[in-house]
């Protein structure tokens, strides 16, 4: 993998720190703001994994552009474009794992805190960067969500290149392997067929063909600048091998992403249906409004998801009563305080004046996610 941006080279100089409103500080001491806002970009772990020309990851690019004066949302979208365009991440954009018919369908939404506007697309085919199409919906329409063929038609009208197929050799090979394991010649009743599809995917995870994070994978990226302007974006290829037309939480305002420019932002990755049921990103921002810290607000959402998970097929087969799926939230408030929280042990990415980092989340349930 290409080398990443060197953290030491990223640390701000005195002049740059002054531009961000950071008071001079001793090495290792916390930054002190001359105003009450600390610039930060937070994202899912893949936001600090994939690079552009061997130099920048998503969070690094977004932070650089945002602190350089770019609009916060435009900076965040430029960041997630790195992941959308990188075929090595099979959970987002180009080369994302396709649906049950082998078609890559992409979802995304974005929210602009200061402008109090939003845009989203779902089940979009043929465009590698759905986050940019979602942004075009925000900028050019009176709507918040376009789907399917209508979203593709809109993208074409806006000048986006629409391709016949977004599969890569890797995503197509993995889909064919899944089809072989599922045995598509037989049509089972809905419950058994869903379980068969899950088991086929799980066996591929066990065999090391799929990263578990990419089975439900997504990227969420949120940021706040030195003016306290908050924005966010979420983009995904959705659940691997999903029913064609299935839409998860990622493009839904209040679920995959929610931003209130006066309070903060929250976004998610993991099992979308669990998040949709509780509109957890909205819940988290409302918890921030009531004065909770980012960590405590995120943990409240996870507790509610756990309490709402009662179906046997969704519970740990070992009888713990815990969900057998992962769910992560990435939270930032207007002051620039942030947290990554998760159902089970996981990672997240963040970039501050100290440079890009990958950190461990705070987990609701100790230990790793139940074995696939």
Protein backbone atom coordinates (compact mmCIF):
# COMPACT_ATOMS: atom_id res chain seq x y z
CA UNK A 1 0.00 0.00 0.00
CA UNK A 2 1.31 3.49 -0.77
CA UNK A 3 2.79 5.38 2.13
CA UNK A 4 0.53 7.66 4.11
CA UNK A 5 0.99 11.27 5.04
CA UNK A 6 3.62 11.54 7.74
CA UNK A 7 1.98 12.73 10.97
CA UNK A 8 5.06 14.64 12.01
CA UNK A 9 5.04 16.53 8.72
CA UNK A 10 1.35 17.26 9.18
CA UNK A 11 1.57 19.04 12.53
CA UNK A 12 0.73 22.67 12.07
CA UNK A 13 3.37 25.37 12.17
CA UNK A 14 2.87 28.36 14.44
CA UNK A 15 1.54 30.46 11.59
CA UNK A 16 -0.89 27.77 10.48
CA UNK A 17 -2.02 27.22 14.05
CA UNK A 18 -2.70 30.90 14.41
CA UNK A 19 -4.86 30.75 11.31
CA UNK A 20 -6.93 28.04 13.01
CA UNK A 21 -7.26 30.04 16.21
CA UNK A 22 -4.88 27.82 18.17
CA UNK A 23 -2.80 29.46 20.84
CA UNK A 24 0.94 28.59 20.99
CA UNK A 25 1.54 25.49 23.07
CA UNK A 26 4.31 23.38 24.49
CA UNK A 27 5.07 20.07 22.80
CA UNK A 28 2.55 17.47 23.96
CA UNK A 29 0.26 20.01 25.63
CA UNK A 30 -3.41 20.20 24.55
CA UNK A 31 -4.34 22.88 22.03
CA UNK A 32 -6.04 25.95 23.51
CA UNK A 33 -8.44 27.77 21.25
CA UNK A 34 -8.73 31.52 21.12
CA UNK A 35 -12.35 30.85 20.19
CA UNK A 36 -14.54 27.92 21.31
CA UNK A 37 -14.27 25.82 18.16
CA UNK A 38 -11.58 23.27 17.43
CA UNK A 39 -11.30 22.03 13.83
CA UNK A 40 -11.68 18.26 13.50
CA UNK A 41 -12.62 15.65 10.91
CA UNK A 42 -13.87 12.25 12.09
CA UNK A 43 -14.73 9.21 10.00
CA UNK A 44 -14.99 5.45 9.88
CA UNK A 45 -11.65 3.63 9.93
CA UNK A 46 -11.36 3.44 6.14
CA UNK A 47 -11.06 7.23 6.19
CA UNK A 48 -7.42 6.78 7.25
CA UNK A 49 -6.58 3.70 5.20
CA UNK A 50 -6.86 4.42 1.49
CA UNK A 51 -4.65 7.09 -0.04
CA UNK A 52 -4.52 9.39 -3.02
CA UNK A 53 -1.25 9.26 -4.98
CA UNK A 54 0.39 7.74 -1.91
CA UNK A 55 0.01 10.94 0.09
CA UNK A 56 -3.37 11.70 1.65
CA UNK A 57 -6.12 9.71 3.29
CA UNK A 58 -9.72 10.89 3.41
CA UNK A 59 -9.51 12.60 6.80
CA UNK A 60 -6.16 14.22 5.95
CA UNK A 61 -7.43 15.68 2.68
CA UNK A 62 -10.69 16.86 4.22
CA UNK A 63 -8.90 18.54 7.14
CA UNK A 64 -6.34 20.21 4.86
CA UNK A 65 -9.00 21.63 2.57
CA UNK A 66 -11.34 22.63 5.40
CA UNK A 67 -8.68 24.46 7.39
CA UNK A 68 -7.40 26.03 4.17
CA UNK A 69 -10.69 27.86 3.70
CA UNK A 70 -12.77 25.44 1.64
CA UNK A 71 -16.43 24.92 2.40
CA UNK A 72 -16.63 22.20 5.06
CA UNK A 73 -18.97 19.93 3.11
CA UNK A 74 -16.98 20.27 -0.10
CA UNK A 75 -13.83 19.34 1.84
CA UNK A 76 -15.48 16.26 3.35
CA UNK A 77 -16.80 15.10 -0.02
CA UNK A 78 -13.35 15.56 -1.56
CA UNK A 79 -12.10 13.31 1.22
CA UNK A 80 -14.59 10.48 0.74
CA UNK A 81 -14.03 10.64 -3.03
CA UNK A 82 -10.64 9.02 -2.34
CA UNK A 83 -12.39 5.96 -0.91
CA UNK A 84 -15.19 5.93 -3.48
CA UNK A 85 -12.69 5.84 -6.33
CA UNK A 86 -10.33 3.30 -4.76
CA UNK A 87 -11.24 -0.25 -5.88
CA UNK A 88 -9.42 -1.71 -2.87
CA UNK A 89 -12.32 -0.68 -0.62
CA UNK A 90 -15.06 -3.06 -1.73
CA UNK A 91 -17.67 -1.41 0.53
CA UNK A 92 -17.83 1.99 -1.16
CA UNK A 93 -18.17 3.37 -4.69
CA UNK A 94 -16.28 1.84 -7.61
CA UNK A 95 -15.71 -1.87 -7.02
CA UNK A 96 -18.18 -2.02 -4.14
CA UNK A 97 -19.64 -5.47 -3.55
CA UNK A 98 -22.75 -5.76 -5.76
CA UNK A 99 -26.32 -6.81 -5.05
CA UNK A 100 -27.71 -10.33 -5.49
CA UNK A 101 -27.89 -9.87 -9.26
CA UNK A 102 -24.30 -8.66 -9.56
CA UNK A 103 -25.19 -4.97 -9.97
CA UNK A 104 -23.39 -2.29 -7.94
CA UNK A 105 -25.98 0.05 -6.43
CA UNK A 106 -24.69 3.00 -4.41
CA UNK A 107 -26.23 5.18 -1.68
CA UNK A 108 -25.13 8.50 -0.19
CA UNK A 109 -26.36 11.58 1.62
CA UNK A 110 -24.83 14.83 2.84
CA UNK A 111 -25.90 17.66 5.12
CA UNK A 112 -24.71 21.25 5.33
CA UNK A 113 -25.11 22.63 8.85
CA UNK A 114 -24.81 26.38 8.16
CA UNK A 115 -27.07 26.24 5.08
CA UNK A 116 -29.46 23.77 6.72
CA UNK A 117 -29.73 21.83 3.49
CA UNK A 118 -29.39 18.18 2.59
CA UNK A 119 -29.26 15.88 -0.41
CA UNK A 120 -29.18 12.15 -1.00
CA UNK A 121 -29.30 9.38 -3.59
CA UNK A 122 -30.17 5.71 -3.24
CA UNK A 123 -29.87 2.63 -5.47
CA UNK A 124 -27.79 4.73 -7.89
CA UNK A 125 -26.09 2.75 -10.65
CA UNK A 126 -23.19 3.72 -12.90
CA UNK A 127 -21.67 6.71 -11.04
CA UNK A 128 -18.49 6.11 -9.05
CA UNK A 129 -18.92 9.06 -6.66
CA UNK A 130 -22.48 9.04 -5.28
CA UNK A 131 -21.47 11.59 -2.63
CA UNK A 132 -21.00 14.17 -5.38
CA UNK A 133 -24.40 13.36 -6.85
CA UNK A 134 -25.96 13.71 -3.38
CA UNK A 135 -24.26 17.12 -3.13
CA UNK A 136 -25.73 18.06 -6.53
CA UNK A 137 -29.19 17.15 -5.21
CA UNK A 138 -28.56 19.51 -2.28
CA UNK A 139 -27.35 22.31 -4.55
CA UNK A 140 -29.71 22.05 -7.51
CA UNK A 141 -33.07 20.72 -6.34
CA UNK A 142 -35.79 21.32 -3.78
CA UNK A 143 -35.61 17.65 -2.79
CA UNK A 144 -33.65 15.61 -0.27
CA UNK A 145 -33.60 12.17 -1.88
CA UNK A 146 -33.56 10.80 -5.44
CA UNK A 147 -33.55 7.06 -6.09
CA UNK A 148 -32.90 4.43 -8.75
CA UNK A 149 -33.30 5.33 -12.40
CA UNK A 150 -34.39 8.86 -11.47
CA UNK A 151 -31.19 9.45 -9.53
CA UNK A 152 -29.14 8.16 -12.45
CA UNK A 153 -31.02 10.36 -14.92
CA UNK A 154 -30.41 13.37 -12.67
CA UNK A 155 -26.69 12.53 -12.46
CA UNK A 156 -26.47 12.39 -16.24
CA UNK A 157 -28.25 15.75 -16.49
CA UNK A 158 -25.73 17.23 -14.06
CA UNK A 159 -22.86 16.09 -16.29
CA UNK A 160 -21.68 13.03 -14.36
CA UNK A 161 -20.21 10.15 -16.31
CA UNK A 162 -22.59 7.18 -16.17
CA UNK A 163 -20.95 3.81 -16.73
CA UNK A 164 -22.50 0.50 -17.67
CA UNK A 165 -20.92 -1.45 -14.82
CA UNK A 166 -19.06 -0.42 -11.65
CA UNK A 167 -17.78 -3.92 -10.87
CA UNK A 168 -14.07 -4.56 -10.76
CA UNK A 169 -12.52 -7.96 -11.38
CA UNK A 170 -12.41 -8.43 -7.60
CA UNK A 171 -16.03 -7.53 -6.88
CA UNK A 172 -17.30 -9.66 -9.77
CA UNK A 173 -15.18 -12.63 -8.70
CA UNK A 174 -16.51 -12.40 -5.14
CA UNK A 175 -20.11 -12.13 -6.36
CA UNK A 176 -19.70 -15.24 -8.51
CA UNK A 177 -18.25 -17.11 -5.56
CA UNK A 178 -21.23 -16.06 -3.42
CA UNK A 179 -23.67 -17.22 -6.11
CA UNK A 180 -21.95 -20.60 -6.27
CA UNK A 181 -22.24 -21.03 -2.52
CA UNK A 182 -25.86 -19.92 -2.40
CA UNK A 183 -27.02 -22.25 -5.20
CA UNK A 184 -29.39 -19.85 -7.01
CA UNK A 185 -31.19 -22.67 -8.84
CA UNK A 186 -33.42 -23.19 -5.80
CA UNK A 187 -35.94 -20.66 -4.52
CA UNK A 188 -36.45 -21.07 -0.81
CA UNK A 189 -39.12 -19.49 1.35
CA UNK A 190 -38.14 -15.89 2.29
CA UNK A 191 -36.83 -16.70 5.77
CA UNK A 192 -34.75 -19.69 4.66
CA UNK A 193 -33.46 -17.88 1.55
CA UNK A 194 -32.35 -14.88 3.60
CA UNK A 195 -30.56 -17.19 6.03
CA UNK A 196 -28.95 -19.11 3.14
CA UNK A 197 -27.66 -15.87 1.66
CA UNK A 198 -26.29 -14.81 5.03
CA UNK A 199 -24.60 -18.18 5.55
CA UNK A 200 -23.02 -18.01 2.09
CA UNK A 201 -21.61 -14.57 2.87
CA UNK A 202 -20.49 -15.65 6.32
CA UNK A 203 -18.60 -18.61 4.89
CA UNK A 204 -16.72 -16.22 2.59
CA UNK A 205 -15.75 -14.10 5.59
CA UNK A 206 -14.52 -17.21 7.42
CA UNK A 207 -12.51 -18.23 4.36
CA UNK A 208 -10.82 -14.82 4.26
CA UNK A 209 -12.38 -13.74 0.94
CA UNK A 210 -14.21 -10.75 2.42
CA UNK A 211 -13.22 -8.35 5.18
CA UNK A 212 -16.09 -8.45 7.73
CA UNK A 213 -16.10 -4.66 7.77
CA UNK A 214 -16.80 -4.65 4.04
CA UNK A 215 -19.84 -6.92 4.27
CA UNK A 216 -21.78 -4.08 5.89
CA UNK A 217 -19.18 -1.45 4.95
CA UNK A 218 -19.60 2.28 4.44
CA UNK A 219 -17.69 5.52 5.02
CA UNK A 220 -19.06 8.35 7.11
CA UNK A 221 -17.09 11.58 7.44
CA UNK A 222 -18.07 14.61 9.56
CA UNK A 223 -16.23 17.83 10.30
CA UNK A 224 -16.30 21.16 12.09
CA UNK A 225 -14.06 24.10 11.22
CA UNK A 226 -12.63 26.94 13.31
CA UNK A 227 -15.84 28.93 12.78
CA UNK A 228 -17.94 26.14 14.24
CA UNK A 229 -19.44 25.23 10.86
CA UNK A 230 -20.51 21.57 10.84
CA UNK A 231 -21.19 19.29 7.87
CA UNK A 232 -21.26 15.56 7.14
CA UNK A 233 -21.41 12.95 4.39
CA UNK A 234 -22.03 9.20 4.25
CA UNK A 235 -21.51 6.99 1.19
CA UNK A 236 -21.69 3.23 0.59
CA UNK A 237 -22.27 0.37 -1.80
CA UNK A 238 -24.57 -1.09 0.83
CA UNK A 239 -24.99 -4.57 2.18
CA UNK A 240 -23.12 -7.15 0.11
CA UNK A 241 -25.43 -9.32 -2.05
CA UNK A 242 -28.50 -7.32 -0.99
CA UNK A 243 -31.92 -7.70 -2.61
CA UNK A 244 -31.87 -5.38 -5.66
CA UNK A 245 -33.32 -2.03 -4.63
CA UNK A 246 -32.57 -2.55 -0.93
CA UNK A 247 -31.69 0.75 0.72
CA UNK A 248 -30.05 0.82 4.13
CA UNK A 249 -29.43 3.64 6.56
CA UNK A 250 -26.64 5.45 4.69
CA UNK A 251 -28.70 7.81 2.48
CA UNK A 252 -31.47 8.37 5.03
CA UNK A 253 -31.33 11.63 6.99
CA UNK A 254 -31.45 10.91 10.70
CA UNK A 255 -30.09 7.39 10.27
CA UNK A 256 -26.86 7.14 8.25
CA UNK A 257 -26.19 10.82 8.92
CA UNK A 258 -27.63 13.76 10.81
CA UNK A 259 -26.23 17.26 11.17
CA UNK A 260 -27.56 20.19 13.16
CA UNK A 261 -25.41 23.25 12.54
CA UNK A 262 -26.10 24.56 16.03
CA UNK A 263 -25.28 21.32 17.84
CA UNK A 264 -23.18 18.67 16.09
CA UNK A 265 -23.14 15.71 13.71
CA UNK A 266 -23.34 11.94 13.84
CA UNK A 267 -23.02 9.20 11.23
CA UNK A 268 -22.80 5.45 11.14
CA UNK A 269 -21.47 2.25 9.63
CA UNK A 270 -22.56 -1.32 10.26
CA UNK A 271 -25.96 -3.01 10.13
CA UNK A 272 -28.20 -0.41 8.49
CA UNK A 273 -31.54 -1.96 9.42
CA UNK A 274 -30.70 -1.79 13.13
CA UNK A 275 -29.84 1.88 12.78
CA UNK A 276 -32.87 2.72 10.63
CA UNK A 277 -35.25 1.34 13.23
CA UNK A 278 -34.11 3.89 15.79
CA UNK A 279 -32.99 6.80 13.55
CA UNK A 280 -29.92 6.76 15.75
CA UNK A 281 -27.92 9.61 14.21
CA UNK A 282 -30.84 11.94 14.91
CA UNK A 283 -31.10 10.50 18.40
CA UNK A 284 -27.40 11.13 19.03
CA UNK A 285 -27.58 14.77 17.92
CA UNK A 286 -30.60 15.31 20.14
CA UNK A 287 -28.62 13.85 23.04
CA UNK A 288 -25.84 16.35 22.23
CA UNK A 289 -28.45 19.12 22.31
CA UNK A 290 -29.34 18.07 25.83
CA UNK A 291 -25.74 18.48 26.92
CA UNK A 292 -24.36 14.96 26.68
CA UNK A 293 -20.79 14.37 25.55
CA UNK A 294 -20.23 12.75 22.11
CA UNK A 295 -19.30 9.47 23.79
CA UNK A 296 -22.33 9.38 26.08
CA UNK A 297 -24.68 10.37 23.27
CA UNK A 298 -23.36 7.57 21.08
CA UNK A 299 -23.57 5.00 23.85
CA UNK A 300 -27.23 5.85 24.43
CA UNK A 301 -27.98 5.04 20.80
CA UNK A 302 -26.13 1.72 21.05
CA UNK A 303 -28.05 0.78 24.19
CA UNK A 304 -31.33 1.40 22.39
CA UNK A 305 -30.26 -0.71 19.42
CA UNK A 306 -29.29 -3.53 21.76
CA UNK A 307 -32.64 -3.30 23.57
CA UNK A 308 -34.55 -3.37 20.26
CA UNK A 309 -32.72 -6.45 18.98
CA UNK A 310 -34.93 -9.35 20.06
CA UNK A 311 -35.22 -11.64 17.01
CA UNK A 312 -33.30 -14.87 17.49
CA UNK A 313 -31.70 -14.69 14.03
CA UNK A 314 -30.06 -11.37 15.03
CA UNK A 315 -28.72 -12.54 18.39
CA UNK A 316 -25.41 -14.12 19.30
CA UNK A 317 -25.87 -17.90 18.84
CA UNK A 318 -23.85 -18.46 22.02
CA UNK A 319 -26.85 -17.27 24.04
CA UNK A 320 -25.40 -14.04 25.43
CA UNK A 321 -28.49 -12.08 24.41
CA UNK A 322 -26.27 -9.61 22.57
CA UNK A 323 -26.65 -8.63 18.91
CA UNK A 324 -24.50 -10.67 16.52
CA UNK A 325 -23.81 -7.64 14.32
CA UNK A 326 -21.58 -4.60 14.55
CA UNK A 327 -22.71 -0.96 14.50
CA UNK A 328 -20.47 2.10 14.80
CA UNK A 329 -21.23 5.80 15.32
CA UNK A 330 -18.93 8.77 14.69
CA UNK A 331 -19.89 11.85 16.67
CA UNK A 332 -18.67 15.46 16.83
CA UNK A 333 -20.16 18.49 18.54
CA UNK A 334 -19.91 22.15 17.63
CA UNK A 335 -16.94 22.70 19.95
CA UNK A 336 -14.93 20.03 18.11
CA UNK A 337 -15.23 17.36 20.81
CA UNK A 338 -15.58 13.94 19.21
CA UNK A 339 -15.96 10.22 19.84
CA UNK A 340 -16.09 6.94 17.96
CA UNK A 341 -18.38 4.37 19.61
CA UNK A 342 -19.35 0.85 18.60
CA UNK A 343 -21.35 -2.20 19.61
CA UNK A 344 -18.13 -4.26 19.70
CA UNK A 345 -14.41 -3.43 19.49
CA UNK A 346 -13.63 -1.44 16.37
CA UNK A 347 -11.60 1.44 14.95
CA UNK A 348 -12.28 4.93 13.64
CA UNK A 349 -10.29 7.72 12.02
CA UNK A 350 -9.80 11.32 13.08
CA UNK A 351 -7.74 14.29 11.97
CA UNK A 352 -6.93 17.34 14.11
CA UNK A 353 -4.08 19.82 14.13
CA UNK A 354 -1.94 16.84 15.26
CA UNK A 355 -2.52 14.99 11.99
CA UNK A 356 -4.49 11.92 10.90
CA UNK A 357 -4.87 9.02 13.33
CA UNK A 358 -6.64 5.68 13.60
CA UNK A 359 -8.04 5.11 17.08
CA UNK A 360 -9.97 2.46 18.96
CA UNK A 361 -13.66 3.07 19.52
CA UNK A 362 -15.38 2.98 22.88
CA UNK A 363 -17.46 -0.20 22.75
CA UNK A 364 -20.76 -0.96 24.49
CA UNK A 365 -20.04 -4.71 24.69
CA UNK A 366 -16.47 -5.77 25.63
CA UNK A 367 -14.57 -7.99 23.26
CA UNK A 368 -14.79 -8.69 19.52
CA UNK A 369 -17.95 -9.06 17.47
CA UNK A 370 -19.37 -12.61 17.58
CA UNK A 371 -17.48 -14.89 15.20
CA UNK A 372 -18.93 -15.15 11.75
